[in-house]
Amino acid sequence: MKLCAEECYKEKNSCGERSCRLWIEHDDDFNCTQIAIKKNGSMTLKEVGTRLGISYVRVTQIEKEALKKLEKNRFKEEDTNYNNQ
């Protein structure tokens, strides 16, 4: 877990660092996605949407976009590795 998340979790204080990429608007989990996952385990798309204030359909769209980017980067790495052999 990220150091700032560990500190917030130990001290039971919400994170005030809104610029952090792990920050969420959810005080029960100290505004941190890592703490939310540690406390709650995996979540449904509907639960994620509720926490973020967006629909589960939008969560699905974001998930698909992220997976496409990951797949694209994986192929770039494989191509680079192949060309360097």
PDB file of N, CA and C in Angstrom:
ATOM      1  N   MET A   1       0.849  -1.179   0.000  1.00  0.00           N
ATOM      2  CA  MET A   1       0.000   0.000   0.000  1.00  0.00           C
ATOM      3  C   MET A   1       0.890   1.236   0.000  1.00  0.00           C
ATOM      4  N   LYS A   2       0.430   2.267  -0.669  1.00  0.00           N
ATOM      5  CA  LYS A   2       1.174   3.519  -0.754  1.00  0.00           C
ATOM      6  C   LYS A   2       1.362   4.109   0.641  1.00  0.00           C
ATOM      7  N   LEU A   3       2.497   4.732   0.877  1.00  0.00           N
ATOM      8  CA  LEU A   3       2.852   5.253   2.189  1.00  0.00           C
ATOM      9  C   LEU A   3       1.795   6.199   2.756  1.00  0.00           C
ATOM     10  N   CYS A   4       1.284   7.112   1.930  1.00  0.00           N
ATOM     11  CA  CYS A   4       0.286   8.062   2.437  1.00  0.00           C
ATOM     12  C   CYS A   4      -0.990   7.327   2.851  1.00  0.00           C
ATOM     13  N   ALA A   5      -1.358   6.269   2.128  1.00  0.00           N
ATOM     14  CA  ALA A   5      -2.549   5.483   2.476  1.00  0.00           C
ATOM     15  C   ALA A   5      -2.337   4.769   3.807  1.00  0.00           C
ATOM     16  N   GLU A   6      -1.145   4.244   4.013  1.00  0.00           N
ATOM     17  CA  GLU A   6      -0.837   3.572   5.282  1.00  0.00           C
ATOM     18  C   GLU A   6      -0.945   4.548   6.447  1.00  0.00           C
ATOM     19  N   GLU A   7      -0.433   5.765   6.264  1.00  0.00           N
ATOM     20  CA  GLU A   7      -0.499   6.771   7.321  1.00  0.00           C
ATOM     21  C   GLU A   7      -1.940   7.146   7.642  1.00  0.00           C
ATOM     22  N   CYS A   8      -2.743   7.373   6.608  1.00  0.00           N
ATOM     23  CA  CYS A   8      -4.156   7.722   6.818  1.00  0.00           C
ATOM     24  C   CYS A   8      -4.890   6.593   7.531  1.00  0.00           C
ATOM     25  N   TYR A   9      -4.595   5.366   7.140  1.00  0.00           N
ATOM     26  CA  TYR A   9      -5.260   4.207   7.721  1.00  0.00           C
ATOM     27  C   TYR A   9      -4.893   4.043   9.197  1.00  0.00           C
ATOM     28  N   LYS A  10      -3.607   4.193   9.509  1.00  0.00           N
ATOM     29  CA  LYS A  10      -3.151   4.058  10.901  1.00  0.00           C
ATOM     30  C   LYS A  10      -3.707   5.164  11.786  1.00  0.00           C
ATOM     31  N   GLU A  11      -3.690   6.397  11.272  1.00  0.00           N
ATOM     32  CA  GLU A  11      -4.124   7.554  12.054  1.00  0.00           C
ATOM     33  C   GLU A  11      -5.635   7.779  11.996  1.00  0.00           C
ATOM     34  N   LYS A  12      -6.335   7.009  11.183  1.00  0.00           N
ATOM     35  CA  LYS A  12      -7.794   7.133  11.014  1.00  0.00           C
ATOM     36  C   LYS A  12      -8.188   8.547  10.582  1.00  0.00           C
ATOM     37  N   ASN A  13      -7.385   9.110   9.686  1.00  0.00           N
ATOM     38  CA  ASN A  13      -7.643  10.447   9.141  1.00  0.00           C
ATOM     39  C   ASN A  13      -7.912  10.366   7.654  1.00  0.00           C
ATOM     40  N   SER A  14      -8.850  11.163   7.182  1.00  0.00           N
ATOM     41  CA  SER A  14      -9.112  11.231   5.752  1.00  0.00           C
ATOM     42  C   SER A  14      -7.985  11.963   5.048  1.00  0.00           C
ATOM     43  N   CYS A  15      -7.704  11.522   3.846  1.00  0.00           N
ATOM     44  CA  CYS A  15      -6.669  12.151   3.022  1.00  0.00           C
ATOM     45  C   CYS A  15      -7.194  13.465   2.473  1.00  0.00           C
ATOM     46  N   GLY A  16      -6.385  14.479   2.518  1.00  0.00           N
ATOM     47  CA  GLY A  16      -6.774  15.776   1.991  1.00  0.00           C
ATOM     48  C   GLY A  16      -6.086  16.083   0.676  1.00  0.00           C
ATOM     49  N   GLU A  17      -5.298  15.146   0.180  1.00  0.00           N
ATOM     50  CA  GLU A  17      -4.509  15.353  -1.035  1.00  0.00           C
ATOM     51  C   GLU A  17      -5.333  15.012  -2.275  1.00  0.00           C
ATOM     52  N   ARG A  18      -6.170  15.952  -2.700  1.00  0.00           N
ATOM     53  CA  ARG A  18      -7.069  15.709  -3.834  1.00  0.00           C
ATOM     54  C   ARG A  18      -6.320  15.484  -5.147  1.00  0.00           C
ATOM     55  N   SER A  19      -5.088  15.892  -5.253  1.00  0.00           N
ATOM     56  CA  SER A  19      -4.330  15.707  -6.495  1.00  0.00           C
ATOM     57  C   SER A  19      -3.790  14.278  -6.631  1.00  0.00           C
ATOM     58  N   CYS A  20      -3.869  13.498  -5.561  1.00  0.00           N
ATOM     59  CA  CYS A  20      -3.404  12.111  -5.598  1.00  0.00           C
ATOM     60  C   CYS A  20      -4.302  11.305  -6.532  1.00  0.00           C
ATOM     61  N   ARG A  21      -3.719  10.466  -7.377  1.00  0.00           N
ATOM     62  CA  ARG A  21      -4.523   9.685  -8.319  1.00  0.00           C
ATOM     63  C   ARG A  21      -5.356   8.619  -7.628  1.00  0.00           C
ATOM     64  N   LEU A  22      -5.106   8.351  -6.357  1.00  0.00           N
ATOM     65  CA  LEU A  22      -5.869   7.365  -5.598  1.00  0.00           C
ATOM     66  C   LEU A  22      -7.004   7.993  -4.790  1.00  0.00           C
ATOM     67  N   TRP A  23      -7.133   9.315  -4.841  1.00  0.00           N
ATOM     68  CA  TRP A  23      -8.119  10.025  -4.040  1.00  0.00           C
ATOM     69  C   TRP A  23      -9.527   9.795  -4.573  1.00  0.00           C
ATOM     70  N   ILE A  24     -10.483   9.541  -3.676  1.00  0.00           N
ATOM     71  CA  ILE A  24     -11.899   9.434  -4.030  1.00  0.00           C
ATOM     72  C   ILE A  24     -12.712  10.208  -2.999  1.00  0.00           C
ATOM     73  N   GLU A  25     -13.892  10.622  -3.388  1.00  0.00           N
ATOM     74  CA  GLU A  25     -14.783  11.351  -2.479  1.00  0.00           C
ATOM     75  C   GLU A  25     -15.592  10.321  -1.690  1.00  0.00           C
ATOM     76  N   HIS A  26     -14.946   9.747  -0.676  1.00  0.00           N
ATOM     77  CA  HIS A  26     -15.633   8.743   0.150  1.00  0.00           C
ATOM     78  C   HIS A  26     -14.973   8.719   1.523  1.00  0.00           C
ATOM     79  N   ASP A  27     -15.539   9.493   2.462  1.00  0.00           N
ATOM     80  CA  ASP A  27     -14.941   9.653   3.785  1.00  0.00           C
ATOM     81  C   ASP A  27     -14.833   8.353   4.583  1.00  0.00           C
ATOM     82  N   ASP A  28     -15.774   7.416   4.361  1.00  0.00           N
ATOM     83  CA  ASP A  28     -15.721   6.157   5.108  1.00  0.00           C
ATOM     84  C   ASP A  28     -14.427   5.393   4.865  1.00  0.00           C
ATOM     85  N   ASP A  29     -13.839   5.599   3.706  1.00  0.00           N
ATOM     86  CA  ASP A  29     -12.581   4.935   3.360  1.00  0.00           C
ATOM     87  C   ASP A  29     -11.415   5.921   3.332  1.00  0.00           C
ATOM     88  N   PHE A  30     -11.537   6.988   4.097  1.00  0.00           N
ATOM     89  CA  PHE A  30     -10.488   8.006   4.234  1.00  0.00           C
ATOM     90  C   PHE A  30     -10.084   8.616   2.896  1.00  0.00           C
ATOM     91  N   ASN A  31     -11.026   8.645   1.930  1.00  0.00           N
ATOM     92  CA  ASN A  31     -10.813   9.241   0.607  1.00  0.00           C
ATOM     93  C   ASN A  31      -9.683   8.575  -0.183  1.00  0.00           C
ATOM     94  N   CYS A  32      -9.486   7.284   0.001  1.00  0.00           N
ATOM     95  CA  CYS A  32      -8.387   6.593  -0.668  1.00  0.00           C
ATOM     96  C   CYS A  32      -8.872   5.270  -1.264  1.00  0.00           C
ATOM     97  N   THR A  33      -8.599   5.065  -2.544  1.00  0.00           N
ATOM     98  CA  THR A  33      -9.025   3.824  -3.189  1.00  0.00           C
ATOM     99  C   THR A  33      -8.307   2.608  -2.605  1.00  0.00           C
ATOM    100  N   GLN A  34      -7.054   2.750  -2.241  1.00  0.00           N
ATOM    101  CA  GLN A  34      -6.327   1.606  -1.676  1.00  0.00           C
ATOM    102  C   GLN A  34      -6.925   1.177  -0.342  1.00  0.00           C
ATOM    103  N   ILE A  35      -7.325   2.126   0.471  1.00  0.00           N
ATOM    104  CA  ILE A  35      -7.949   1.791   1.751  1.00  0.00           C
ATOM    105  C   ILE A  35      -9.319   1.161   1.500  1.00  0.00           C
ATOM    106  N   ALA A  36     -10.050   1.675   0.513  1.00  0.00           N
ATOM    107  CA  ALA A  36     -11.361   1.110   0.178  1.00  0.00           C
ATOM    108  C   ALA A  36     -11.235  -0.356  -0.222  1.00  0.00           C
ATOM    109  N   ILE A  37     -10.242  -0.666  -1.027  1.00  0.00           N
ATOM    110  CA  ILE A  37     -10.037  -2.051  -1.457  1.00  0.00           C
ATOM    111  C   ILE A  37      -9.608  -2.915  -0.284  1.00  0.00           C
ATOM    112  N   LYS A  38      -8.735  -2.384   0.559  1.00  0.00           N
ATOM    113  CA  LYS A  38      -8.275  -3.154   1.719  1.00  0.00           C
ATOM    114  C   LYS A  38      -9.446  -3.450   2.670  1.00  0.00           C
ATOM    115  N   LYS A  39     -10.307  -2.464   2.900  1.00  0.00           N
ATOM    116  CA  LYS A  39     -11.426  -2.641   3.826  1.00  0.00           C
ATOM    117  C   LYS A  39     -12.553  -3.480   3.240  1.00  0.00           C
ATOM    118  N   ASN A  40     -12.862  -3.291   1.964  1.00  0.00           N
ATOM    119  CA  ASN A  40     -14.067  -3.867   1.375  1.00  0.00           C
ATOM    120  C   ASN A  40     -13.826  -5.014   0.405  1.00  0.00           C
ATOM    121  N   GLY A  41     -12.597  -5.243   0.012  1.00  0.00           N
ATOM    122  CA  GLY A  41     -12.334  -6.262  -0.996  1.00  0.00           C
ATOM    123  C   GLY A  41     -12.790  -5.781  -2.362  1.00  0.00           C
ATOM    124  N   SER A  42     -13.000  -6.726  -3.269  1.00  0.00           N
ATOM    125  CA  SER A  42     -13.424  -6.334  -4.610  1.00  0.00           C
ATOM    126  C   SER A  42     -14.850  -5.804  -4.568  1.00  0.00           C
ATOM    127  N   MET A  43     -15.157  -4.921  -5.510  1.00  0.00           N
ATOM    128  CA  MET A  43     -16.474  -4.281  -5.545  1.00  0.00           C
ATOM    129  C   MET A  43     -17.106  -4.475  -6.911  1.00  0.00           C
ATOM    130  N   THR A  44     -18.420  -4.449  -6.961  1.00  0.00           N
ATOM    131  CA  THR A  44     -19.134  -4.519  -8.232  1.00  0.00           C
ATOM    132  C   THR A  44     -19.013  -3.179  -8.941  1.00  0.00           C
ATOM    133  N   LEU A  45     -19.317  -3.184 -10.233  1.00  0.00           N
ATOM    134  CA  LEU A  45     -19.280  -1.933 -10.985  1.00  0.00           C
ATOM    135  C   LEU A  45     -20.281  -0.939 -10.425  1.00  0.00           C
ATOM    136  N   LYS A  46     -21.405  -1.435  -9.948  1.00  0.00           N
ATOM    137  CA  LYS A  46     -22.412  -0.552  -9.362  1.00  0.00           C
ATOM    138  C   LYS A  46     -21.883   0.101  -8.087  1.00  0.00           C
ATOM    139  N   GLU A  47     -21.190  -0.677  -7.240  1.00  0.00           N
ATOM    140  CA  GLU A  47     -20.609  -0.119  -6.013  1.00  0.00           C
ATOM    141  C   GLU A  47     -19.550   0.923  -6.339  1.00  0.00           C
ATOM    142  N   VAL A  48     -18.722   0.652  -7.334  1.00  0.00           N
ATOM    143  CA  VAL A  48     -17.695   1.612  -7.746  1.00  0.00           C
ATOM    144  C   VAL A  48     -18.354   2.895  -8.244  1.00  0.00           C
ATOM    145  N   GLY A  49     -19.383   2.749  -9.077  1.00  0.00           N
ATOM    146  CA  GLY A  49     -20.096   3.915  -9.595  1.00  0.00           C
ATOM    147  C   GLY A  49     -20.716   4.748  -8.494  1.00  0.00           C
ATOM    148  N   THR A  50     -21.329   4.088  -7.523  1.00  0.00           N
ATOM    149  CA  THR A  50     -21.939   4.797  -6.399  1.00  0.00           C
ATOM    150  C   THR A  50     -20.887   5.587  -5.625  1.00  0.00           C
ATOM    151  N   ARG A  51     -19.754   4.983  -5.381  1.00  0.00           N
ATOM    152  CA  ARG A  51     -18.680   5.654  -4.645  1.00  0.00           C
ATOM    153  C   ARG A  51     -18.127   6.849  -5.406  1.00  0.00           C
ATOM    154  N   LEU A  52     -18.068   6.724  -6.738  1.00  0.00           N
ATOM    155  CA  LEU A  52     -17.509   7.805  -7.554  1.00  0.00           C
ATOM    156  C   LEU A  52     -18.557   8.812  -8.004  1.00  0.00           C
ATOM    157  N   GLY A  53     -19.821   8.499  -7.773  1.00  0.00           N
ATOM    158  CA  GLY A  53     -20.883   9.408  -8.174  1.00  0.00           C
ATOM    159  C   GLY A  53     -21.180   9.357  -9.665  1.00  0.00           C
ATOM    160  N   ILE A  54     -20.927   8.201 -10.290  1.00  0.00           N
ATOM    161  CA  ILE A  54     -21.219   8.010 -11.707  1.00  0.00           C
ATOM    162  C   ILE A  54     -22.001   6.712 -11.878  1.00  0.00           C
ATOM    163  N   SER A  55     -22.579   6.512 -13.036  1.00  0.00           N
ATOM    164  CA  SER A  55     -23.370   5.300 -13.269  1.00  0.00           C
ATOM    165  C   SER A  55     -22.449   4.102 -13.490  1.00  0.00           C
ATOM    166  N   TYR A  56     -22.994   2.912 -13.264  1.00  0.00           N
ATOM    167  CA  TYR A  56     -22.187   1.718 -13.495  1.00  0.00           C
ATOM    168  C   TYR A  56     -21.895   1.547 -14.990  1.00  0.00           C
ATOM    169  N   VAL A  57     -22.763   2.109 -15.833  1.00  0.00           N
ATOM    170  CA  VAL A  57     -22.519   2.063 -17.276  1.00  0.00           C
ATOM    171  C   VAL A  57     -21.262   2.862 -17.606  1.00  0.00           C
ATOM    172  N   ARG A  58     -21.113   4.029 -16.973  1.00  0.00           N
ATOM    173  CA  ARG A  58     -19.913   4.841 -17.199  1.00  0.00           C
ATOM    174  C   ARG A  58     -18.679   4.130 -16.666  1.00  0.00           C
ATOM    175  N   VAL A  59     -18.815   3.443 -15.540  1.00  0.00           N
ATOM    176  CA  VAL A  59     -17.686   2.668 -14.995  1.00  0.00           C
ATOM    177  C   VAL A  59     -17.269   1.607 -16.007  1.00  0.00           C
ATOM    178  N   THR A  60     -18.249   0.958 -16.623  1.00  0.00           N
ATOM    179  CA  THR A  60     -17.960  -0.055 -17.639  1.00  0.00           C
ATOM    180  C   THR A  60     -17.232   0.557 -18.830  1.00  0.00           C
ATOM    181  N   GLN A  61     -17.669   1.739 -19.259  1.00  0.00           N
ATOM    182  CA  GLN A  61     -17.004   2.418 -20.372  1.00  0.00           C
ATOM    183  C   GLN A  61     -15.553   2.741 -20.033  1.00  0.00           C
ATOM    184  N   ILE A  62     -15.327   3.241 -18.833  1.00  0.00           N
ATOM    185  CA  ILE A  62     -13.962   3.576 -18.393  1.00  0.00           C
ATOM    186  C   ILE A  62     -13.115   2.312 -18.327  1.00  0.00           C
ATOM    187  N   GLU A  63     -13.692   1.233 -17.809  1.00  0.00           N
ATOM    188  CA  GLU A  63     -12.982  -0.042 -17.723  1.00  0.00           C
ATOM    189  C   GLU A  63     -12.563  -0.521 -19.113  1.00  0.00           C
ATOM    190  N   LYS A  64     -13.472  -0.467 -20.076  1.00  0.00           N
ATOM    191  CA  LYS A  64     -13.163  -0.905 -21.448  1.00  0.00           C
ATOM    192  C   LYS A  64     -12.055  -0.059 -22.065  1.00  0.00           C
ATOM    193  N   GLU A  65     -12.119   1.263 -21.848  1.00  0.00           N
ATOM    194  CA  GLU A  65     -11.082   2.155 -22.366  1.00  0.00           C
ATOM    195  C   GLU A  65      -9.722   1.818 -21.764  1.00  0.00           C
ATOM    196  N   ALA A  66      -9.702   1.567 -20.465  1.00  0.00           N
ATOM    197  CA  ALA A  66      -8.447   1.240 -19.780  1.00  0.00           C
ATOM    198  C   ALA A  66      -7.881  -0.081 -20.286  1.00  0.00           C
ATOM    199  N   LEU A  67      -8.730  -1.072 -20.461  1.00  0.00           N
ATOM    200  CA  LEU A  67      -8.267  -2.370 -20.962  1.00  0.00           C
ATOM    201  C   LEU A  67      -7.715  -2.254 -22.377  1.00  0.00           C
ATOM    202  N   LYS A  68      -8.339  -1.421 -23.220  1.00  0.00           N
ATOM    203  CA  LYS A  68      -7.822  -1.197 -24.573  1.00  0.00           C
ATOM    204  C   LYS A  68      -6.423  -0.593 -24.520  1.00  0.00           C
ATOM    205  N   LYS A  69      -6.238   0.396 -23.638  1.00  0.00           N
ATOM    206  CA  LYS A  69      -4.924   1.038 -23.510  1.00  0.00           C
ATOM    207  C   LYS A  69      -3.875   0.046 -23.029  1.00  0.00           C
ATOM    208  N   LEU A  70      -4.244  -0.783 -22.061  1.00  0.00           N
ATOM    209  CA  LEU A  70      -3.307  -1.784 -21.558  1.00  0.00           C
ATOM    210  C   LEU A  70      -2.930  -2.780 -22.651  1.00  0.00           C
ATOM    211  N   GLU A  71      -3.916  -3.216 -23.400  1.00  0.00           N
ATOM    212  CA  GLU A  71      -3.666  -4.161 -24.491  1.00  0.00           C
ATOM    213  C   GLU A  71      -2.774  -3.534 -25.559  1.00  0.00           C
ATOM    214  N   LYS A  72      -3.047  -2.280 -25.885  1.00  0.00           N
ATOM    215  CA  LYS A  72      -2.246  -1.566 -26.888  1.00  0.00           C
ATOM    216  C   LYS A  72      -0.794  -1.462 -26.423  1.00  0.00           C
ATOM    217  N   ASN A  73      -0.593  -1.109 -25.157  1.00  0.00           N
ATOM    218  CA  ASN A  73       0.764  -0.997 -24.618  1.00  0.00           C
ATOM    219  C   ASN A  73       1.464  -2.347 -24.563  1.00  0.00           C
ATOM    220  N   ARG A  74       0.705  -3.404 -24.296  1.00  0.00           N
ATOM    221  CA  ARG A  74       1.304  -4.737 -24.258  1.00  0.00           C
ATOM    222  C   ARG A  74       1.838  -5.117 -25.626  1.00  0.00           C
ATOM    223  N   PHE A  75       1.065  -4.825 -26.676  1.00  0.00           N
ATOM    224  CA  PHE A  75       1.522  -5.139 -28.029  1.00  0.00           C
ATOM    225  C   PHE A  75       2.736  -4.298 -28.400  1.00  0.00           C
ATOM    226  N   LYS A  76       2.783  -3.051 -27.966  1.00  0.00           N
ATOM    227  CA  LYS A  76       3.950  -2.208 -28.232  1.00  0.00           C
ATOM    228  C   LYS A  76       5.188  -2.816 -27.591  1.00  0.00           C
ATOM    229  N   GLU A  77       5.058  -3.265 -26.334  1.00  0.00           N
ATOM    230  CA  GLU A  77       6.188  -3.876 -25.628  1.00  0.00           C
ATOM    231  C   GLU A  77       6.629  -5.155 -26.313  1.00  0.00           C
ATOM    232  N   GLU A  78       5.673  -5.994 -26.717  1.00  0.00           N
ATOM    233  CA  GLU A  78       6.019  -7.243 -27.382  1.00  0.00           C
ATOM    234  C   GLU A  78       6.729  -6.964 -28.696  1.00  0.00           C
ATOM    235  N   ASP A  79       6.263  -5.966 -29.431  1.00  0.00           N
ATOM    236  CA  ASP A  79       6.875  -5.610 -30.701  1.00  0.00           C
ATOM    237  C   ASP A  79       8.287  -5.094 -30.473  1.00  0.00           C
ATOM    238  N   THR A  80       8.462  -4.257 -29.463  1.00  0.00           N
ATOM    239  CA  THR A  80       9.787  -3.722 -29.134  1.00  0.00           C
ATOM    240  C   THR A  80      10.733  -4.850 -28.726  1.00  0.00           C
ATOM    241  N   ASN A  81      10.260  -5.759 -27.888  1.00  0.00           N
ATOM    242  CA  ASN A  81      11.088  -6.889 -27.453  1.00  0.00           C
ATOM    243  C   ASN A  81      11.476  -7.772 -28.636  1.00  0.00           C
ATOM    244  N   TYR A  82      10.557  -7.987 -29.557  1.00  0.00           N
ATOM    245  CA  TYR A  82      10.830  -8.817 -30.727  1.00  0.00           C
ATOM    246  C   TYR A  82      11.875  -8.172 -31.627  1.00  0.00           C
ATOM    247  N   ASN A  83      11.764  -6.851 -31.818  1.00  0.00           N
ATOM    248  CA  ASN A  83      12.702  -6.136 -32.685  1.00  0.00           C
ATOM    249  C   ASN A  83      14.094  -6.041 -32.088  1.00  0.00           C
ATOM    250  N   ASN A  84      14.213  -6.136 -30.768  1.00  0.00           N
ATOM    251  CA  ASN A  84      15.516  -6.019 -30.113  1.00  0.00           C
ATOM    252  C   ASN A  84      16.258  -7.343 -30.060  1.00  0.00           C
ATOM    253  N   GLN A  85      15.640  -8.417 -30.494  1.00  0.00           N
ATOM    254  CA  GLN A  85      16.310  -9.740 -30.413  1.00  0.00           C
ATOM    255  C   GLN A  85      17.250  -9.949 -31.562  1.00  0.00           C
TER     256      GLN A  85
END
